[in-house]
Protein backbone atom coordinates (compact mmCIF):
# COMPACT_ATOMS: atom_id res chain seq x y z
CA MET A 1 0.00 0.00 0.00
CA SER A 2 1.39 3.41 -0.90
CA VAL A 3 1.75 5.93 1.88
CA VAL A 4 -0.11 8.56 -0.08
CA THR A 5 -3.27 6.61 0.70
CA PHE A 6 -2.83 7.01 4.47
CA PRO A 7 -5.49 9.02 6.26
CA GLN A 8 -4.63 12.12 8.20
CA ILE A 9 -2.23 11.40 11.05
CA ALA A 10 -2.34 13.06 14.46
CA VAL A 11 1.04 13.80 16.05
CA ILE A 12 0.81 14.25 19.82
CA GLY A 13 3.35 16.29 21.82
CA ALA A 14 5.98 16.66 19.10
CA ARG A 15 9.27 17.87 20.56
CA GLY A 16 10.38 19.53 17.37
CA ARG A 17 9.65 19.80 13.67
CA ASP A 18 11.49 16.63 12.65
CA LEU A 19 8.43 14.39 12.99
CA GLU A 20 6.24 16.60 10.82
CA THR A 21 9.02 17.05 8.29
CA HIS A 22 9.65 13.32 7.86
CA LEU A 23 5.94 12.47 7.69
CA GLY A 24 5.21 15.29 5.27
CA SER A 25 8.06 14.18 3.01
CA ALA A 26 6.45 10.72 2.93
CA GLY A 27 3.24 12.26 1.59
CA MET A 28 1.24 12.01 4.81
CA ARG A 29 -1.18 14.66 6.04
CA VAL A 30 -0.31 15.63 9.60
CA THR A 31 -2.23 17.40 12.35
CA SER A 32 -0.13 18.47 15.34
CA MET A 33 -1.69 18.40 18.81
CA ALA A 34 -0.40 19.18 22.28
CA ALA A 35 0.35 16.38 24.73
CA SER A 36 -2.54 17.61 26.85
CA ASP A 37 -4.94 16.86 23.95
CA LEU A 38 -4.39 13.12 24.30
CA LEU A 39 -7.02 12.83 27.03
CA ALA A 40 -9.68 14.48 24.86
CA LEU A 41 -8.65 12.29 21.93
CA ALA A 42 -9.16 9.18 24.06
CA HIS A 43 -12.68 10.12 25.12
CA PRO A 44 -15.33 7.65 23.85
CA SER A 45 -17.19 10.40 22.00
CA ALA A 46 -14.08 11.70 20.19
CA ARG A 47 -13.35 10.91 16.55
CA PRO A 48 -9.57 10.42 16.54
CA SER A 49 -7.38 10.03 13.50
CA GLN A 50 -6.89 6.48 12.31
CA VAL A 51 -3.17 6.74 13.05
CA VAL A 52 -1.85 8.56 16.14
CA ILE A 53 1.88 9.14 16.67
CA ILE A 54 2.85 10.03 20.24
CA ASP A 55 6.22 11.67 20.88
CA LEU A 56 7.58 10.35 24.19
CA ARG A 57 11.15 11.56 23.80
CA ASP A 58 10.72 13.87 26.79
CA ALA A 59 8.92 11.23 28.88
CA SER A 60 10.19 8.24 30.84
CA VAL A 61 6.90 6.32 31.22
CA LEU A 62 3.94 5.50 29.02
CA PRO A 63 0.96 7.77 29.74
CA PRO A 64 -1.99 5.70 31.03
CA THR A 65 -4.17 7.58 28.56
CA VAL A 66 -2.65 5.49 25.75
CA ALA A 67 -4.39 2.38 27.11
CA VAL A 68 -7.63 4.37 27.39
CA LEU A 69 -7.28 5.51 23.77
CA ARG A 70 -6.78 1.94 22.54
CA ARG A 71 -9.63 0.62 24.66
CA ASN A 72 -12.15 3.29 23.59
CA HIS A 73 -10.98 3.44 19.97
CA PRO A 74 -9.58 0.03 19.01
CA ASN A 75 -9.53 1.00 15.31
CA THR A 76 -7.01 3.74 16.04
CA ALA A 77 -3.44 2.64 15.34
CA VAL A 78 -0.76 4.04 17.67
CA VAL A 79 2.97 4.58 17.05
CA LEU A 80 5.34 5.72 19.82
CA VAL A 81 8.49 7.77 19.23
CA VAL A 82 11.17 7.39 21.94
CA THR A 83 14.80 8.23 22.57
CA HIS A 84 15.74 4.60 23.13
CA LEU A 85 14.05 1.20 23.55
CA ASP A 86 13.38 0.91 27.28
CA PRO A 87 12.20 -2.62 28.29
CA THR A 88 9.70 -1.36 30.87
CA LEU A 89 8.12 1.09 28.45
CA MET A 90 8.01 -1.55 25.73
CA LEU A 91 6.19 -3.98 28.03
CA ASP A 92 3.68 -1.30 29.07
CA ALA A 93 3.13 -0.42 25.42
CA MET A 94 2.41 -4.05 24.49
CA ARG A 95 -0.05 -4.36 27.36
CA SER A 96 -1.82 -1.25 26.08
CA GLY A 97 -2.13 -2.70 22.58
CA VAL A 98 0.68 -0.68 20.97
CA THR A 99 2.90 -2.67 18.62
CA GLU A 100 5.11 -0.03 16.98
CA ILE A 101 7.87 1.95 18.71
CA VAL A 102 10.37 4.05 16.73
CA PRO A 103 13.60 5.01 18.56
CA GLU A 104 16.00 7.80 17.69
CA PRO A 105 17.67 8.62 15.40
CA LEU A 106 14.47 9.32 13.47
CA THR A 107 14.44 8.72 9.73
CA GLN A 108 11.73 9.08 7.14
CA SER A 109 12.03 5.42 6.16
CA ALA A 110 11.68 4.18 9.77
CA LEU A 111 8.57 6.29 10.39
CA GLU A 112 7.09 5.36 7.04
CA ALA A 113 7.62 1.65 7.71
CA ALA A 114 6.10 1.83 11.22
CA VAL A 115 3.01 3.70 10.02
CA GLY A 116 2.67 1.30 7.11
CA ARG A 117 2.72 -1.73 9.41
CA VAL A 118 0.09 -0.43 11.82
CA TRP A 119 -2.12 0.81 9.02
CA ASN A 120 -1.91 -2.44 7.08
CA ALA A 121 -2.79 -4.29 10.28
CA GLN A 122 -5.98 -2.23 10.48
CA GLU A 123 -6.97 -3.10 6.91
CA PRO A 124 -8.58 -6.53 6.34
CA ASP A 125 -6.80 -7.15 3.02
CA ASN A 126 -7.67 -10.84 2.88
CA ALA A 127 -10.82 -10.60 4.91
CA GLY A 128 -13.39 -13.34 4.93
CA GLN A 129 -17.03 -12.84 4.07
CA VAL A 130 -19.23 -11.30 6.75
CA ILE A 131 -23.00 -11.84 6.72
CA ALA A 132 -25.15 -10.04 9.30
CA VAL A 133 -28.62 -11.33 10.16
CA VAL A 134 -31.15 -9.07 11.92
CA GLY A 135 -34.86 -9.58 12.55
CA GLY A 136 -37.53 -7.06 11.66
CA LYS A 137 -38.98 -7.81 15.09
CA GLY A 138 -38.45 -10.29 17.88
CA GLY A 139 -39.58 -13.85 17.26
CA VAL A 140 -39.27 -13.93 13.46
CA GLY A 141 -36.52 -16.56 13.56
CA ALA A 142 -33.44 -14.43 12.91
CA THR A 143 -31.25 -16.35 15.37
CA THR A 144 -32.42 -19.69 13.95
CA ILE A 145 -31.54 -18.55 10.45
CA ALA A 146 -28.14 -17.17 11.55
CA VAL A 147 -27.30 -20.45 13.31
CA ASN A 148 -28.23 -22.51 10.27
CA LEU A 149 -26.43 -20.27 7.79
CA ALA A 150 -23.25 -20.61 9.85
CA THR A 151 -23.78 -24.38 10.16
CA VAL A 152 -24.11 -24.85 6.39
CA LEU A 153 -21.02 -22.70 5.74
CA ALA A 154 -19.08 -24.68 8.35
CA ARG A 155 -19.87 -27.87 6.46
CA GLU A 156 -18.76 -26.24 3.21
CA ALA A 157 -15.53 -25.01 4.84
CA PRO A 158 -14.77 -26.98 8.03
CA GLY A 159 -12.99 -24.93 10.68
CA GLU A 160 -13.39 -21.73 8.68
CA ALA A 161 -16.85 -20.53 9.73
CA LEU A 162 -17.66 -18.46 12.82
CA LEU A 163 -20.98 -17.42 14.32
CA ILE A 164 -20.93 -14.35 16.58
CA ASP A 165 -23.97 -13.83 18.79
CA LEU A 166 -23.85 -10.05 19.18
CA HIS A 167 -26.60 -9.98 21.77
CA PRO A 168 -24.60 -8.75 24.79
CA ALA A 169 -26.71 -10.96 27.05
CA GLN A 170 -29.32 -13.71 26.86
CA GLY A 171 -28.74 -14.69 23.22
CA ASP A 172 -29.88 -18.14 22.09
CA ALA A 173 -27.26 -19.21 19.55
CA ALA A 174 -25.38 -21.40 22.04
CA LEU A 175 -28.61 -23.18 23.00
CA GLN A 176 -29.42 -23.94 19.37
CA LEU A 177 -25.93 -25.30 18.76
CA GLY A 178 -25.89 -27.37 21.94
CA ALA A 179 -22.78 -25.47 23.10
CA GLU A 180 -21.69 -24.57 26.63
CA PRO A 181 -19.38 -21.55 26.30
CA ARG A 182 -17.02 -20.46 29.05
CA PHE A 183 -16.48 -17.01 27.57
CA SER A 184 -18.66 -14.64 25.60
CA VAL A 185 -18.77 -11.85 23.07
CA VAL A 186 -18.61 -9.40 25.98
CA ASP A 187 -15.10 -10.65 26.81
CA ALA A 188 -14.04 -9.98 23.21
CA LEU A 189 -15.67 -6.54 23.06
CA GLU A 190 -14.09 -5.49 26.34
CA ASN A 191 -10.63 -6.53 25.11
CA THR A 192 -10.53 -5.51 21.45
CA HIS A 193 -7.18 -3.83 22.09
CA ARG A 194 -5.73 -7.23 23.05
CA LEU A 195 -7.10 -9.31 20.18
CA ASP A 196 -4.75 -11.77 18.58
CA GLU A 197 -5.52 -15.18 17.12
CA ALA A 198 -4.51 -17.17 20.21
CA TYR A 199 -6.56 -15.03 22.58
CA PHE A 200 -9.53 -14.90 20.23
CA ARG A 201 -9.65 -18.65 19.72
CA SER A 202 -9.57 -19.12 23.48
CA LEU A 203 -12.90 -17.28 23.64
CA VAL A 204 -14.76 -19.26 21.00
CA VAL A 205 -16.42 -22.65 21.33
CA VAL A 206 -15.64 -25.29 18.70
CA VAL A 207 -18.94 -26.95 17.81
CA LYS A 208 -18.69 -30.51 16.50
CA LYS A 209 -19.67 -30.56 12.81
CA GLY A 210 -20.74 -26.92 13.14
CA PRO A 211 -19.33 -23.39 13.20
CA ASP A 212 -17.06 -21.98 15.86
CA LEU A 213 -19.17 -19.85 18.19
CA LEU A 214 -18.53 -16.60 20.04
CA ALA A 215 -21.56 -16.73 22.27
CA SER A 216 -23.74 -14.23 24.07
CA SER A 217 -23.14 -13.67 27.77
CA ASP A 218 -25.28 -15.23 30.47
CA ARG A 219 -24.72 -12.28 32.77
CA HIS A 220 -26.60 -9.01 32.55
CA VAL A 221 -24.59 -6.31 30.80
CA ILE A 222 -25.10 -2.62 31.51
CA GLY A 223 -24.57 -0.22 28.64
CA SER A 224 -23.75 -0.64 24.99
CA PRO A 225 -20.42 -1.97 23.65
CA GLY A 226 -19.95 0.94 21.23
CA ALA A 227 -19.73 0.86 17.44
CA ASP A 228 -15.91 1.12 17.37
CA ARG A 229 -15.49 -2.04 19.40
CA VAL A 230 -18.01 -3.90 17.26
CA ARG A 231 -16.14 -2.83 14.12
CA ALA A 232 -12.81 -3.94 15.59
CA LEU A 233 -14.22 -7.33 16.59
CA VAL A 234 -15.82 -7.96 13.20
CA GLU A 235 -12.66 -6.86 11.36
CA PHE A 236 -10.52 -9.23 13.39
CA ALA A 237 -12.95 -12.12 12.97
CA ALA A 238 -12.99 -11.58 9.21
CA ARG A 239 -9.19 -11.81 9.12
CA THR A 240 -9.34 -15.08 11.05
CA TYR A 241 -12.23 -16.94 9.38
CA LYS A 242 -13.38 -17.44 5.80
CA TYR A 243 -17.02 -16.97 6.78
CA VAL A 244 -18.41 -14.90 9.66
CA VAL A 245 -22.13 -14.82 10.43
CA LEU A 246 -23.42 -12.19 12.86
CA ASP A 247 -26.62 -12.61 14.87
CA VAL A 248 -27.47 -8.94 15.37
CA PRO A 249 -29.90 -7.49 17.94
CA ARG A 250 -32.18 -5.02 16.19
CA THR A 251 -32.59 -2.76 19.25
CA ASP A 252 -28.91 -1.90 19.89
CA LEU A 253 -28.10 1.11 17.73
CA SER A 254 -24.36 1.00 18.48
CA ILE A 255 -24.16 -2.56 17.12
CA LEU A 256 -26.22 -1.66 14.05
CA ASP A 257 -23.80 1.25 13.54
CA GLY A 258 -20.78 -1.07 13.64
CA LEU A 259 -21.57 -3.26 10.62
CA ASP A 260 -19.29 -1.43 8.17
CA ASN A 261 -17.32 -4.58 7.36
CA THR A 262 -20.29 -6.72 6.42
CA GLN A 263 -20.80 -7.60 2.78
CA GLN A 264 -24.47 -8.49 3.29
CA VAL A 265 -27.08 -7.54 5.87
CA VAL A 266 -30.01 -9.96 5.81
CA ILE A 267 -33.27 -8.56 7.21
CA ILE A 268 -35.68 -11.27 8.35
CA VAL A 269 -39.45 -10.70 8.34
CA ASN A 270 -42.49 -12.93 8.38
CA GLN A 271 -46.04 -12.37 7.17
CA GLU A 272 -47.17 -10.43 10.25
CA LEU A 273 -47.99 -6.75 9.80
CA SER A 274 -45.83 -5.67 12.72
CA ALA A 275 -42.77 -7.52 11.41
CA ILE A 276 -43.24 -6.07 7.93
CA ARG A 277 -43.70 -2.53 9.23
CA ASN A 278 -40.63 -2.75 11.47
CA GLY A 279 -38.69 -4.39 8.66
CA ALA A 280 -39.47 -1.41 6.43
CA ARG A 281 -38.21 0.97 9.10
CA LEU A 282 -35.06 -1.07 9.58
CA VAL A 283 -34.37 -1.16 5.84
CA GLU A 284 -34.79 2.62 5.65
CA ALA A 285 -32.38 3.21 8.52
CA LEU A 286 -29.75 0.74 7.29
CA SER A 287 -30.03 2.06 3.73
CA GLN A 288 -29.11 5.53 4.94
CA ARG A 289 -26.15 4.13 6.87
CA TYR A 290 -24.77 1.53 4.44
CA GLY A 291 -26.62 1.92 1.16
CA LYS A 292 -29.28 -0.39 -0.19
CA ASP A 293 -27.00 -2.60 -2.28
CA ARG A 294 -25.82 -4.74 0.60
CA LEU A 295 -29.30 -5.25 2.12
CA ILE A 296 -31.13 -8.53 1.48
CA LEU A 297 -34.71 -9.33 2.48
CA ALA A 298 -35.62 -12.85 3.58
CA LEU A 299 -39.09 -14.14 4.43
CA ALA A 300 -39.25 -16.67 7.27
CA ARG A 301 -42.05 -19.07 8.17
CA PHE A 302 -43.62 -18.60 4.76
CA ASP A 303 -47.21 -19.70 4.39
CA LYS A 304 -48.47 -19.63 0.81
CA ALA A 305 -52.07 -19.52 2.06
CA ALA A 306 -51.51 -16.30 4.04
CA GLU A 307 -53.27 -13.10 2.99
CA ILE A 308 -49.98 -11.21 2.81
CA GLY A 309 -47.81 -12.35 -0.10
CA THR A 310 -44.24 -11.78 -1.20
CA GLU A 311 -45.13 -8.98 -3.62
CA ASP A 312 -46.94 -7.10 -0.85
CA ILE A 313 -43.97 -7.46 1.47
CA ALA A 314 -41.50 -6.33 -1.20
CA ARG A 315 -43.63 -3.27 -1.95
CA VAL A 316 -43.90 -2.21 1.69
CA VAL A 317 -40.33 -2.94 2.76
CA GLY A 318 -38.76 -1.54 -0.41
CA LEU A 319 -36.67 -4.63 -1.22
CA PRO A 320 -37.40 -7.76 -3.24
CA VAL A 321 -37.84 -10.96 -1.26
CA SER A 322 -34.63 -12.77 -2.13
CA HIS A 323 -35.03 -15.84 0.07
CA VAL A 324 -38.09 -17.69 1.33
CA VAL A 325 -37.89 -20.11 4.27
CA PRO A 326 -41.00 -22.29 4.66
CA ASN A 327 -42.83 -22.71 7.94
CA ASP A 328 -42.15 -25.87 9.94
CA TYR A 329 -42.71 -24.99 13.59
CA ARG A 330 -42.35 -28.54 14.88
CA ALA A 331 -39.00 -29.07 13.16
CA ALA A 332 -37.72 -25.75 14.50
CA VAL A 333 -38.76 -26.52 18.08
CA ARG A 334 -37.35 -30.04 17.87
CA ALA A 335 -34.00 -28.72 16.63
CA VAL A 336 -33.75 -26.19 19.48
CA ASN A 337 -34.68 -28.78 22.10
CA GLN A 338 -32.06 -31.18 20.76
CA GLY A 339 -29.36 -28.51 20.40
CA GLN A 340 -28.92 -29.47 16.76
CA PRO A 341 -29.40 -26.98 13.91
CA ILE A 342 -32.19 -27.70 11.45
CA ALA A 343 -29.70 -27.83 8.57
CA MET A 344 -28.06 -30.90 10.11
CA GLY A 345 -31.33 -32.85 10.10
CA GLU A 346 -32.96 -35.05 7.51
CA PRO A 347 -33.57 -33.35 4.15
CA ASN A 348 -36.94 -31.62 3.83
CA LYS A 349 -38.27 -28.35 2.43
CA LEU A 350 -36.96 -26.38 5.42
CA THR A 351 -33.44 -27.81 5.41
CA VAL A 352 -33.20 -27.43 1.64
CA ALA A 353 -34.29 -23.78 1.84
CA LEU A 354 -31.76 -22.97 4.58
CA LYS A 355 -28.91 -24.69 2.74
CA SER A 356 -29.84 -22.97 -0.51
CA MET A 357 -29.94 -19.61 1.24
CA ALA A 358 -26.51 -20.10 2.84
CA ILE A 359 -24.67 -21.18 -0.28
CA SER A 360 -26.35 -18.44 -2.30
CA LEU A 361 -25.28 -15.73 0.18
CA ALA A 362 -21.75 -17.12 0.15
CA GLY A 363 -21.69 -17.04 -3.64
CA LEU A 364 -21.23 -20.78 -3.90
CA ARG A 365 -24.30 -21.47 -6.04
CA PRO A 366 -26.74 -19.47 -8.18
CA PRO A 367 -29.45 -17.76 -6.09
CA PRO A 368 -32.64 -19.77 -5.51
CA VAL A 369 -35.79 -19.14 -7.48
CA GLU A 370 -38.10 -16.88 -5.54
CA ALA A 371 -41.35 -18.39 -4.29
CA PRO A 372 -44.37 -17.47 -6.42
CA PRO A 373 -46.20 -14.43 -5.03
CA SER A 374 -49.65 -14.72 -3.54
CA ALA A 375 -52.36 -12.11 -3.43
CA GLY A 376 -52.27 -9.83 -0.39
CA LEU A 377 -54.08 -7.21 1.61
CA LEU A 378 -51.42 -4.64 2.49
CA GLY A 379 -52.85 -1.60 0.77
CA ARG A 380 -53.41 0.37 3.93
CA LEU A 381 -49.89 -0.28 5.16
CA THR A 382 -48.37 0.57 1.77
CA LEU A 383 -50.17 3.90 1.69
CA ARG A 384 -48.90 4.78 5.15
CA ARG A 385 -45.30 3.69 4.57
CA THR A 386 -44.00 7.03 3.34
CA SER A 387 -45.18 8.74 6.52
CA GLN A 388 -43.54 6.17 8.77
CA VAL A 389 -39.94 6.49 7.57
CA LEU A 390 -37.48 6.67 10.45
């Protein structure tokens, strides 16, 4: 990657002009800030530069604010400039999530190489595919679909599929996979500054003949994880696995705001008015945030005899129905009770639909033929849709 593509870099507490001169000569845009500005930059509400260089040549210890910066903004890469490589400072830097330290004498090539390494580490160059699944309302089967998508992809690519239950607490993915996790997604989100492959794999559960699972927590969690931490977690997961499926809670705005690295966001609705209405609102909000191209509408528990058909749903939600999953309540309940995903059961219309959906989303097969539309009675909802946009 050429340095001219680097974003603007913040230089904190520069002792002289040499830092700015070297960085400017390398084609980087630099903003100089006082050492006292580091605290404000580390605040959760701040929008720091993607690369921060901290001049510690007049300091003997690592400021504790560096750890706060990395914890609150895990997507921010940090480079330290020092007079010499002190073992204590180096250990403190590693514990804070800092991997690059440049000692004197400073050269343009040394700074350029350090910035290049931290920036390339932030970029998922060979990232796997990330599919997010979110329900238009509770109870539409979004978790069941996420679990089965991940299960099918795990069978296509053993050991290379991960399911992340992004519900901070009380998610059901572990139950449906028959897993008993020791750690949870909360542990990962609270330690995004420490993520490496060994630590990350210690948090996940390996499910026999299924996907690896980063489960929801059993304990009550106060507050939201924050969009930056969600982004950092998803980025890291995508660098570690070929396929990542996210089970996304629809009510946590910070999680919905952290889906930048997803290639597809699958919105699940059924043939209930409330699910369709909320699905339309969700599509409108996500379209404004990510664009409509990556959004996919799936219809769960499809009943061809229902008054509301696929054409009605597409018209109200504003997306075509790309995938239809038939209704089989008994099979779904039996699968949950047995801790075995539906897709691992005997072939039937439901398992075939889930497998077809998974391989289509992953680009492994042509997309399935859409179910034939049925007549519907959604005129009153369609007429009101424009006045109900979020």
